[in-house]
Amino acid sequence: MNIIAEGDYDSQKFNGLDLAGGSVHLRSFSDCRFVRCIFSGCDLTGSTFSDCTFEQCDLSGVKLVDCGLRQVRFVRSKLLGVDFTRCTINFFALSFDDCLVESCNFSGLPMKGTKFLDSIVRECVFGRTNLSKSSFERTDLSDSVFHDANLSEADFSRAKNYAICPTTNKVAKAKFSLPEAVSLLRGLDIELE
């Protein structure tokens, strides 16, 4: 069952939609705003979102197969268990502000310049992800995994609870702040006193 009618949507505001467990296939949304909408378990296969904002939305378990996310902002939203690796890679640019992002997979994605600000990014996987020039300012990265990721020139100022091994990730010119930056030494198999 498709909950949103066929067609393209431009410059519309959707407030309080409950699309939990539904499907929204092959729809196009441009410059749209979704406020307090529930997308948990929703199947968005083949849909595209360009210059859209999701505010105070629940996107837990959303299915993003062949989904395009271009210049999409998530603000004060919840994203649990989302596999972003199924998205259309050449149509992919996101930002997160004051969000809960948990158990999500961002492996292999081109996420240069992505902003994760004032968020909780917990138990997420960033394997072979290009996060150069990205910002994680004031973000809690508890139990998130960075492996073979490009973190060059990324900003981890005032980020906390990260575990980044400088020998398995590119960290040239990345910004870190004390005291959290001491955690970079954990991956070097040395003893601190």
N, C-alpha and C. Protein backbone atom coordinates (compact mmCIF):
# COMPACT_ATOMS: atom_id res chain seq x y z
N MET A 1 0.84 -1.18 0.00
CA MET A 1 0.00 0.00 0.00
C MET A 1 0.88 1.25 0.00
N ASN A 2 0.64 2.17 -0.87
CA ASN A 2 1.35 3.44 -0.90
C ASN A 2 0.52 4.47 -0.15
N ILE A 3 1.13 5.10 0.84
CA ILE A 3 0.40 6.04 1.69
C ILE A 3 0.36 7.43 1.07
N ILE A 4 1.42 7.82 0.38
CA ILE A 4 1.46 9.12 -0.29
C ILE A 4 1.14 8.87 -1.76
N ALA A 5 0.23 9.66 -2.30
CA ALA A 5 -0.22 9.48 -3.68
C ALA A 5 0.93 9.62 -4.67
N GLU A 6 0.77 9.03 -5.84
CA GLU A 6 1.79 9.11 -6.88
C GLU A 6 2.02 10.55 -7.28
N GLY A 7 3.21 10.80 -7.78
CA GLY A 7 3.53 12.13 -8.26
C GLY A 7 4.75 12.71 -7.59
N ASP A 8 5.09 13.92 -7.99
CA ASP A 8 6.22 14.64 -7.44
C ASP A 8 5.71 15.71 -6.48
N TYR A 9 6.51 15.98 -5.45
CA TYR A 9 6.13 16.96 -4.44
C TYR A 9 7.22 18.01 -4.36
N ASP A 10 6.82 19.27 -4.45
CA ASP A 10 7.77 20.37 -4.45
C ASP A 10 7.33 21.43 -3.44
N SER A 11 8.26 21.82 -2.56
CA SER A 11 8.03 22.90 -1.59
C SER A 11 6.78 22.69 -0.74
N GLN A 12 6.60 21.46 -0.26
CA GLN A 12 5.44 21.18 0.59
C GLN A 12 5.89 20.88 2.01
N LYS A 13 4.99 21.13 2.96
CA LYS A 13 5.25 20.81 4.35
C LYS A 13 4.31 19.68 4.76
N PHE A 14 4.90 18.62 5.33
CA PHE A 14 4.13 17.49 5.82
C PHE A 14 4.26 17.50 7.34
N ASN A 15 3.15 17.59 8.02
CA ASN A 15 3.16 17.69 9.47
C ASN A 15 2.41 16.53 10.10
N GLY A 16 3.07 15.77 10.97
CA GLY A 16 2.42 14.72 11.74
C GLY A 16 1.99 13.50 10.95
N LEU A 17 2.59 13.24 9.80
CA LEU A 17 2.24 12.04 9.04
C LEU A 17 2.68 10.79 9.79
N ASP A 18 1.85 9.76 9.77
CA ASP A 18 2.24 8.47 10.34
C ASP A 18 2.33 7.46 9.21
N LEU A 19 3.57 7.20 8.77
CA LEU A 19 3.82 6.28 7.66
C LEU A 19 4.45 4.98 8.15
N ALA A 20 4.35 4.71 9.45
CA ALA A 20 4.99 3.53 10.05
C ALA A 20 4.55 2.26 9.34
N GLY A 21 5.54 1.48 8.88
CA GLY A 21 5.26 0.20 8.24
C GLY A 21 4.68 0.31 6.84
N GLY A 22 4.54 1.50 6.33
CA GLY A 22 3.96 1.68 4.99
C GLY A 22 5.03 1.69 3.91
N SER A 23 4.65 2.10 2.74
CA SER A 23 5.62 2.21 1.64
C SER A 23 5.34 3.46 0.83
N VAL A 24 6.42 4.08 0.42
CA VAL A 24 6.38 5.27 -0.42
C VAL A 24 7.41 5.04 -1.51
N HIS A 25 7.00 4.33 -2.57
CA HIS A 25 7.91 3.94 -3.64
C HIS A 25 7.90 4.96 -4.78
N LEU A 26 9.09 5.18 -5.33
CA LEU A 26 9.25 5.95 -6.56
C LEU A 26 8.57 7.31 -6.52
N ARG A 27 8.73 8.01 -5.41
CA ARG A 27 8.20 9.37 -5.28
C ARG A 27 9.38 10.33 -5.30
N SER A 28 9.13 11.56 -5.68
CA SER A 28 10.16 12.58 -5.70
C SER A 28 9.73 13.75 -4.83
N PHE A 29 10.61 14.14 -3.89
CA PHE A 29 10.34 15.24 -2.98
C PHE A 29 11.46 16.26 -3.11
N SER A 30 11.11 17.49 -3.42
CA SER A 30 12.10 18.54 -3.57
C SER A 30 11.72 19.73 -2.70
N ASP A 31 12.68 20.19 -1.89
CA ASP A 31 12.47 21.34 -1.01
C ASP A 31 11.25 21.15 -0.11
N CYS A 32 11.08 19.93 0.42
CA CYS A 32 9.94 19.63 1.30
C CYS A 32 10.40 19.59 2.75
N ARG A 33 9.47 19.83 3.64
CA ARG A 33 9.73 19.78 5.08
C ARG A 33 8.81 18.76 5.71
N PHE A 34 9.41 17.84 6.49
CA PHE A 34 8.65 16.83 7.22
C PHE A 34 8.82 17.14 8.71
N VAL A 35 7.72 17.41 9.38
CA VAL A 35 7.77 17.80 10.80
C VAL A 35 6.96 16.81 11.62
N ARG A 36 7.61 16.24 12.65
CA ARG A 36 6.97 15.28 13.56
C ARG A 36 6.26 14.15 12.81
N CYS A 37 6.94 13.62 11.80
CA CYS A 37 6.39 12.51 11.02
C CYS A 37 7.02 11.20 11.48
N ILE A 38 6.27 10.12 11.36
CA ILE A 38 6.75 8.80 11.75
C ILE A 38 6.95 7.97 10.49
N PHE A 39 8.22 7.61 10.25
CA PHE A 39 8.59 6.79 9.10
C PHE A 39 9.10 5.42 9.54
N SER A 40 8.95 5.05 10.80
CA SER A 40 9.56 3.81 11.30
C SER A 40 9.09 2.61 10.49
N GLY A 41 10.07 1.85 9.97
CA GLY A 41 9.78 0.67 9.17
C GLY A 41 9.21 0.97 7.80
N CYS A 42 9.17 2.22 7.39
CA CYS A 42 8.61 2.60 6.08
C CYS A 42 9.58 2.21 4.96
N ASP A 43 9.07 1.74 3.86
CA ASP A 43 9.86 1.36 2.69
C ASP A 43 9.85 2.51 1.69
N LEU A 44 11.01 3.15 1.50
CA LEU A 44 11.13 4.30 0.60
C LEU A 44 11.85 3.94 -0.69
N THR A 45 11.77 2.69 -1.11
CA THR A 45 12.48 2.20 -2.28
C THR A 45 12.25 3.10 -3.51
N GLY A 46 13.37 3.52 -4.09
CA GLY A 46 13.31 4.27 -5.35
C GLY A 46 12.89 5.72 -5.23
N SER A 47 12.61 6.20 -4.04
CA SER A 47 12.20 7.59 -3.87
C SER A 47 13.43 8.49 -3.78
N THR A 48 13.24 9.77 -4.12
CA THR A 48 14.32 10.74 -4.01
C THR A 48 13.87 11.92 -3.16
N PHE A 49 14.80 12.39 -2.35
CA PHE A 49 14.57 13.54 -1.48
C PHE A 49 15.70 14.52 -1.75
N SER A 50 15.36 15.70 -2.26
CA SER A 50 16.36 16.70 -2.60
C SER A 50 16.05 18.00 -1.86
N ASP A 51 17.05 18.52 -1.13
CA ASP A 51 16.88 19.75 -0.36
C ASP A 51 15.71 19.66 0.61
N CYS A 52 15.56 18.51 1.25
CA CYS A 52 14.47 18.28 2.20
C CYS A 52 14.97 18.31 3.64
N THR A 53 14.08 18.62 4.58
CA THR A 53 14.40 18.64 6.00
C THR A 53 13.43 17.77 6.75
N PHE A 54 13.98 16.93 7.64
CA PHE A 54 13.18 16.09 8.54
C PHE A 54 13.40 16.64 9.95
N GLU A 55 12.35 17.20 10.55
CA GLU A 55 12.44 17.78 11.89
C GLU A 55 11.60 16.97 12.86
N GLN A 56 12.23 16.53 13.95
CA GLN A 56 11.55 15.78 15.00
C GLN A 56 10.82 14.56 14.42
N CYS A 57 11.47 13.88 13.50
CA CYS A 57 10.87 12.70 12.85
C CYS A 57 11.50 11.42 13.39
N ASP A 58 10.75 10.34 13.32
CA ASP A 58 11.24 9.01 13.67
C ASP A 58 11.43 8.22 12.38
N LEU A 59 12.70 7.95 12.04
CA LEU A 59 13.02 7.21 10.83
C LEU A 59 13.65 5.86 11.17
N SER A 60 13.29 5.30 12.31
CA SER A 60 13.86 4.03 12.76
C SER A 60 13.50 2.91 11.80
N GLY A 61 14.51 2.17 11.36
CA GLY A 61 14.28 1.01 10.50
C GLY A 61 13.76 1.33 9.12
N VAL A 62 13.88 2.58 8.69
CA VAL A 62 13.41 2.95 7.35
C VAL A 62 14.24 2.21 6.30
N LYS A 63 13.61 1.80 5.22
CA LYS A 63 14.29 1.07 4.15
C LYS A 63 14.60 2.05 3.01
N LEU A 64 15.89 2.11 2.63
CA LEU A 64 16.35 3.11 1.67
C LEU A 64 16.94 2.50 0.41
N VAL A 65 16.38 1.43 -0.09
CA VAL A 65 16.92 0.77 -1.29
C VAL A 65 16.75 1.69 -2.50
N ASP A 66 17.88 1.96 -3.19
CA ASP A 66 17.89 2.84 -4.37
C ASP A 66 17.23 4.19 -4.09
N CYS A 67 17.36 4.66 -2.88
CA CYS A 67 16.78 5.94 -2.47
C CYS A 67 17.83 7.03 -2.61
N GLY A 68 17.44 8.15 -3.17
CA GLY A 68 18.34 9.29 -3.31
C GLY A 68 18.11 10.29 -2.19
N LEU A 69 19.19 10.66 -1.51
CA LEU A 69 19.14 11.64 -0.43
C LEU A 69 20.15 12.74 -0.72
N ARG A 70 19.70 13.83 -1.30
CA ARG A 70 20.60 14.90 -1.72
C ARG A 70 20.30 16.16 -0.93
N GLN A 71 21.31 16.66 -0.19
CA GLN A 71 21.14 17.85 0.64
C GLN A 71 19.96 17.68 1.59
N VAL A 72 19.94 16.56 2.28
CA VAL A 72 18.87 16.26 3.24
C VAL A 72 19.37 16.56 4.64
N ARG A 73 18.57 17.32 5.40
CA ARG A 73 18.91 17.68 6.78
C ARG A 73 17.99 16.92 7.73
N PHE A 74 18.61 16.34 8.76
CA PHE A 74 17.86 15.72 9.84
C PHE A 74 18.08 16.58 11.08
N VAL A 75 16.99 17.07 11.67
CA VAL A 75 17.07 17.95 12.83
C VAL A 75 16.23 17.37 13.96
N ARG A 76 16.87 17.15 15.12
CA ARG A 76 16.18 16.59 16.29
C ARG A 76 15.36 15.35 15.91
N SER A 77 15.93 14.50 15.08
CA SER A 77 15.24 13.30 14.61
C SER A 77 15.93 12.05 15.13
N LYS A 78 15.21 10.93 15.03
CA LYS A 78 15.72 9.64 15.50
C LYS A 78 15.86 8.71 14.31
N LEU A 79 17.08 8.14 14.14
CA LEU A 79 17.37 7.20 13.06
C LEU A 79 18.03 5.98 13.70
N LEU A 80 17.29 4.91 13.87
CA LEU A 80 17.81 3.70 14.49
C LEU A 80 17.81 2.57 13.47
N GLY A 81 18.96 1.88 13.36
CA GLY A 81 19.05 0.70 12.50
C GLY A 81 18.85 0.97 11.02
N VAL A 82 19.33 2.11 10.54
CA VAL A 82 19.15 2.47 9.13
C VAL A 82 20.41 2.07 8.35
N ASP A 83 20.23 1.37 7.24
CA ASP A 83 21.33 0.98 6.37
C ASP A 83 21.41 1.96 5.20
N PHE A 84 22.27 2.96 5.35
CA PHE A 84 22.41 3.97 4.31
C PHE A 84 23.18 3.45 3.10
N THR A 85 23.81 2.29 3.22
CA THR A 85 24.62 1.76 2.11
C THR A 85 23.77 1.34 0.91
N ARG A 86 22.49 1.23 1.08
CA ARG A 86 21.60 0.83 -0.03
C ARG A 86 21.12 2.03 -0.85
N CYS A 87 21.50 3.24 -0.41
CA CYS A 87 21.08 4.46 -1.12
C CYS A 87 21.82 4.61 -2.44
N THR A 88 21.30 5.46 -3.28
CA THR A 88 21.96 5.81 -4.53
C THR A 88 23.16 6.70 -4.18
N ILE A 89 24.35 6.21 -4.42
CA ILE A 89 25.56 6.88 -3.96
C ILE A 89 25.81 8.20 -4.67
N ASN A 90 25.50 8.30 -5.95
CA ASN A 90 25.76 9.55 -6.67
C ASN A 90 24.70 10.62 -6.39
N PHE A 91 23.79 10.33 -5.49
CA PHE A 91 22.75 11.28 -5.10
C PHE A 91 22.64 11.21 -3.59
N PHE A 92 23.76 11.63 -2.91
CA PHE A 92 23.85 11.38 -1.48
C PHE A 92 24.59 12.50 -0.77
N ALA A 93 23.90 13.29 0.05
CA ALA A 93 24.52 14.32 0.88
C ALA A 93 23.58 14.60 2.04
N LEU A 94 24.10 14.41 3.28
CA LEU A 94 23.26 14.52 4.47
C LEU A 94 23.88 15.44 5.50
N SER A 95 23.06 15.88 6.47
CA SER A 95 23.56 16.54 7.67
C SER A 95 22.63 16.19 8.83
N PHE A 96 23.22 16.15 10.03
CA PHE A 96 22.49 15.77 11.24
C PHE A 96 22.72 16.82 12.30
N ASP A 97 21.65 17.33 12.89
CA ASP A 97 21.77 18.34 13.93
C ASP A 97 20.88 17.94 15.11
N ASP A 98 21.51 17.68 16.25
CA ASP A 98 20.80 17.31 17.48
C ASP A 98 19.94 16.05 17.28
N CYS A 99 20.53 15.04 16.65
CA CYS A 99 19.81 13.80 16.32
C CYS A 99 20.32 12.62 17.15
N LEU A 100 19.50 11.59 17.24
CA LEU A 100 19.92 10.29 17.75
C LEU A 100 20.08 9.38 16.55
N VAL A 101 21.34 8.98 16.28
CA VAL A 101 21.66 8.12 15.14
C VAL A 101 22.31 6.87 15.74
N GLU A 102 21.59 5.77 15.72
CA GLU A 102 22.08 4.58 16.42
C GLU A 102 22.00 3.33 15.54
N SER A 103 23.06 2.52 15.60
CA SER A 103 23.13 1.25 14.87
C SER A 103 22.89 1.43 13.37
N CYS A 104 23.46 2.48 12.81
CA CYS A 104 23.31 2.75 11.38
C CYS A 104 24.61 2.38 10.65
N ASN A 105 24.48 2.02 9.38
CA ASN A 105 25.63 1.63 8.56
C ASN A 105 25.88 2.69 7.49
N PHE A 106 27.08 3.29 7.54
CA PHE A 106 27.48 4.30 6.57
C PHE A 106 28.70 3.82 5.76
N SER A 107 28.96 2.53 5.76
CA SER A 107 30.17 1.99 5.14
C SER A 107 30.25 2.26 3.65
N GLY A 108 31.45 2.67 3.22
CA GLY A 108 31.73 2.85 1.80
C GLY A 108 31.08 4.05 1.15
N LEU A 109 30.50 4.93 1.94
CA LEU A 109 29.76 6.05 1.35
C LEU A 109 30.61 7.31 1.19
N PRO A 110 30.31 8.11 0.16
CA PRO A 110 31.00 9.39 -0.03
C PRO A 110 30.32 10.45 0.83
N MET A 111 30.87 10.71 2.01
CA MET A 111 30.22 11.63 2.96
C MET A 111 31.11 12.83 3.28
N LYS A 112 31.92 13.23 2.31
CA LYS A 112 32.81 14.37 2.49
C LYS A 112 31.99 15.60 2.92
N GLY A 113 32.44 16.26 3.98
CA GLY A 113 31.79 17.48 4.44
C GLY A 113 30.49 17.28 5.20
N THR A 114 30.17 16.06 5.58
CA THR A 114 28.93 15.80 6.32
C THR A 114 29.02 16.39 7.72
N LYS A 115 27.94 16.97 8.20
CA LYS A 115 27.90 17.53 9.54
C LYS A 115 27.06 16.64 10.46
N PHE A 116 27.70 16.20 11.55
CA PHE A 116 27.04 15.52 12.65
C PHE A 116 27.24 16.45 13.85
N LEU A 117 26.30 17.33 14.12
CA LEU A 117 26.47 18.34 15.15
C LEU A 117 25.56 18.08 16.34
N ASP A 118 26.12 18.20 17.55
CA ASP A 118 25.34 18.08 18.79
C ASP A 118 24.47 16.83 18.81
N SER A 119 24.97 15.74 18.27
CA SER A 119 24.18 14.52 18.11
C SER A 119 24.76 13.36 18.92
N ILE A 120 23.98 12.31 19.03
CA ILE A 120 24.45 11.04 19.56
C ILE A 120 24.53 10.10 18.37
N VAL A 121 25.73 9.66 18.03
CA VAL A 121 25.97 8.76 16.91
C VAL A 121 26.56 7.49 17.53
N ARG A 122 25.68 6.60 17.94
CA ARG A 122 26.07 5.45 18.75
C ARG A 122 25.99 4.16 17.95
N GLU A 123 27.04 3.31 18.11
CA GLU A 123 27.08 1.98 17.49
C GLU A 123 26.90 2.02 15.97
N CYS A 124 27.43 3.06 15.35
CA CYS A 124 27.35 3.18 13.89
C CYS A 124 28.65 2.67 13.26
N VAL A 125 28.58 2.27 12.00
CA VAL A 125 29.74 1.72 11.30
C VAL A 125 30.13 2.65 10.15
N PHE A 126 31.41 3.06 10.17
CA PHE A 126 31.98 3.91 9.13
C PHE A 126 33.20 3.18 8.57
N GLY A 127 32.99 2.15 7.80
CA GLY A 127 34.08 1.38 7.20
C GLY A 127 34.31 1.85 5.77
N ARG A 128 35.54 2.26 5.47
CA ARG A 128 35.89 2.76 4.13
C ARG A 128 35.00 3.95 3.73
N THR A 129 34.58 4.74 4.70
CA THR A 129 33.73 5.90 4.44
C THR A 129 34.60 7.13 4.25
N ASN A 130 34.29 7.93 3.24
CA ASN A 130 35.01 9.18 3.04
C ASN A 130 34.33 10.27 3.86
N LEU A 131 34.92 10.59 5.01
CA LEU A 131 34.40 11.63 5.90
C LEU A 131 35.34 12.82 5.97
N SER A 132 36.16 12.99 4.94
CA SER A 132 37.09 14.12 4.94
C SER A 132 36.29 15.43 5.03
N LYS A 133 36.84 16.35 5.80
CA LYS A 133 36.24 17.68 6.01
C LYS A 133 34.86 17.62 6.66
N SER A 134 34.52 16.49 7.26
CA SER A 134 33.25 16.37 7.98
C SER A 134 33.39 16.95 9.39
N SER A 135 32.27 17.21 10.03
CA SER A 135 32.29 17.77 11.37
C SER A 135 31.48 16.90 12.32
N PHE A 136 32.10 16.59 13.45
CA PHE A 136 31.45 15.83 14.52
C PHE A 136 31.43 16.65 15.80
N GLU A 137 31.35 17.95 15.67
CA GLU A 137 31.43 18.83 16.83
C GLU A 137 30.34 18.52 17.85
N ARG A 138 30.80 18.41 19.11
CA ARG A 138 29.90 18.18 20.25
C ARG A 138 29.03 16.94 20.07
N THR A 139 29.57 15.92 19.41
CA THR A 139 28.82 14.69 19.15
C THR A 139 29.39 13.54 19.96
N ASP A 140 28.50 12.73 20.50
CA ASP A 140 28.87 11.54 21.27
C ASP A 140 28.93 10.36 20.30
N LEU A 141 30.12 9.77 20.16
CA LEU A 141 30.34 8.69 19.20
C LEU A 141 30.51 7.33 19.88
N SER A 142 29.82 7.11 20.98
CA SER A 142 29.96 5.88 21.76
C SER A 142 29.78 4.63 20.90
N ASP A 143 30.78 3.75 20.97
CA ASP A 143 30.75 2.44 20.31
C ASP A 143 30.61 2.50 18.79
N SER A 144 30.85 3.64 18.18
CA SER A 144 30.87 3.71 16.72
C SER A 144 32.23 3.24 16.23
N VAL A 145 32.24 2.62 15.05
CA VAL A 145 33.46 2.01 14.51
C VAL A 145 33.90 2.76 13.26
N PHE A 146 35.16 3.20 13.28
CA PHE A 146 35.79 3.83 12.12
C PHE A 146 36.90 2.89 11.67
N HIS A 147 36.81 2.36 10.47
CA HIS A 147 37.85 1.47 9.97
C HIS A 147 38.14 1.80 8.50
N ASP A 148 39.40 2.07 8.23
CA ASP A 148 39.84 2.42 6.88
C ASP A 148 39.04 3.61 6.34
N ALA A 149 38.66 4.52 7.25
CA ALA A 149 37.88 5.70 6.86
C ALA A 149 38.81 6.87 6.58
N ASN A 150 38.40 7.74 5.69
CA ASN A 150 39.14 8.96 5.41
C ASN A 150 38.59 10.06 6.31
N LEU A 151 39.34 10.39 7.37
CA LEU A 151 38.93 11.41 8.33
C LEU A 151 39.82 12.66 8.21
N SER A 152 40.54 12.78 7.10
CA SER A 152 41.44 13.92 6.94
C SER A 152 40.65 15.23 6.97
N GLU A 153 41.18 16.17 7.73
CA GLU A 153 40.58 17.49 7.92
C GLU A 153 39.20 17.45 8.56
N ALA A 154 38.82 16.32 9.15
CA ALA A 154 37.54 16.24 9.87
C ALA A 154 37.67 16.97 11.20
N ASP A 155 36.57 17.46 11.71
CA ASP A 155 36.56 18.22 12.96
C ASP A 155 35.88 17.42 14.06
N PHE A 156 36.69 16.98 15.03
CA PHE A 156 36.16 16.26 16.19
C PHE A 156 36.22 17.15 17.44
N SER A 157 36.20 18.47 17.25
CA SER A 157 36.25 19.39 18.39
C SER A 157 35.09 19.13 19.33
N ARG A 158 35.44 18.95 20.56
CA ARG A 158 34.45 18.71 21.63
C ARG A 158 33.59 17.47 21.38
N ALA A 159 34.00 16.61 20.45
CA ALA A 159 33.33 15.30 20.30
C ALA A 159 33.81 14.43 21.45
N LYS A 160 33.05 13.39 21.77
CA LYS A 160 33.47 12.54 22.88
C LYS A 160 33.16 11.08 22.60
N ASN A 161 33.81 10.23 23.37
CA ASN A 161 33.61 8.78 23.33
C ASN A 161 33.92 8.14 21.98
N TYR A 162 34.87 8.72 21.24
CA TYR A 162 35.25 8.11 19.97
C TYR A 162 36.43 7.16 20.18
N ALA A 163 36.49 6.16 19.33
CA ALA A 163 37.61 5.22 19.31
C ALA A 163 38.11 5.17 17.87
N ILE A 164 39.13 5.96 17.60
CA ILE A 164 39.67 6.07 16.25
C ILE A 164 41.13 5.66 16.28
N CYS A 165 41.46 4.65 15.53
CA CYS A 165 42.84 4.21 15.44
C CYS A 165 43.53 4.98 14.31
N PRO A 166 44.57 5.77 14.65
CA PRO A 166 45.23 6.56 13.61
C PRO A 166 46.04 5.73 12.61
N THR A 167 46.25 4.45 12.89
CA THR A 167 47.00 3.62 11.94
C THR A 167 46.09 2.92 10.94
N THR A 168 44.80 2.85 11.21
CA THR A 168 43.87 2.19 10.27
C THR A 168 42.90 3.17 9.63
N ASN A 169 43.05 4.46 9.93
CA ASN A 169 42.21 5.51 9.35
C ASN A 169 43.12 6.66 8.92
N LYS A 170 42.70 7.42 7.93
CA LYS A 170 43.44 8.61 7.51
C LYS A 170 42.99 9.77 8.39
N VAL A 171 43.91 10.33 9.18
CA VAL A 171 43.55 11.39 10.11
C VAL A 171 44.36 12.67 9.90
N ALA A 172 45.05 12.80 8.78
CA ALA A 172 45.88 13.98 8.54
C ALA A 172 45.06 15.27 8.64
N LYS A 173 45.57 16.19 9.43
CA LYS A 173 44.97 17.52 9.62
C LYS A 173 43.58 17.49 10.24
N ALA A 174 43.18 16.36 10.83
CA ALA A 174 41.91 16.30 11.55
C ALA A 174 42.07 17.08 12.85
N LYS A 175 40.97 17.66 13.34
CA LYS A 175 41.00 18.46 14.57
C LYS A 175 40.41 17.64 15.72
N PHE A 176 41.16 17.60 16.82
CA PHE A 176 40.72 16.93 18.03
C PHE A 176 40.94 17.88 19.19
N SER A 177 40.20 17.71 20.26
CA SER A 177 40.40 18.54 21.44
C SER A 177 40.66 17.67 22.66
N LEU A 178 41.43 18.21 23.58
CA LEU A 178 41.73 17.52 24.83
C LEU A 178 40.56 17.68 25.79
N PRO A 179 40.32 16.73 26.66
CA PRO A 179 41.14 15.55 26.93
C PRO A 179 40.79 14.34 26.05
N GLU A 180 39.74 14.42 25.26
CA GLU A 180 39.29 13.27 24.47
C GLU A 180 40.33 12.78 23.48
N ALA A 181 41.19 13.66 22.99
CA ALA A 181 42.18 13.27 21.98
C ALA A 181 43.13 12.18 22.49
N VAL A 182 43.25 12.03 23.80
CA VAL A 182 44.09 10.98 24.36
C VAL A 182 43.60 9.60 23.92
N SER A 183 42.33 9.48 23.61
CA SER A 183 41.78 8.19 23.17
C SER A 183 42.43 7.71 21.86
N LEU A 184 43.04 8.60 21.10
CA LEU A 184 43.72 8.20 19.86
C LEU A 184 44.90 7.27 20.14
N LEU A 185 45.42 7.32 21.34
CA LEU A 185 46.56 6.49 21.70
C LEU A 185 46.17 5.04 21.98
N ARG A 186 44.90 4.78 22.21
CA ARG A 186 44.45 3.42 22.51
C ARG A 186 44.79 2.44 21.40
N GLY A 187 44.72 2.86 20.18
CA GLY A 187 44.96 1.96 19.05
C GLY A 187 46.43 1.74 18.74
N LEU A 188 47.32 2.31 19.54
CA LEU A 188 48.75 2.21 19.24
C LEU A 188 49.47 1.15 20.06
N ASP A 189 48.77 0.40 20.86
CA ASP A 189 49.36 -0.70 21.65
C ASP A 189 50.55 -0.19 22.47
N ILE A 190 50.28 0.89 23.21
CA ILE A 190 51.30 1.43 24.11
C ILE A 190 50.72 1.51 25.52
N GLU A 191 51.60 1.72 26.48
CA GLU A 191 51.17 1.85 27.87
C GLU A 191 51.31 3.29 28.30
N LEU A 192 50.25 3.83 28.91
CA LEU A 192 50.28 5.20 29.44
C LEU A 192 50.33 5.14 30.95
N GLU A 193 51.08 6.06 31.54
CA GLU A 193 51.12 6.15 33.00
C GLU A 193 50.70 7.51 33.44
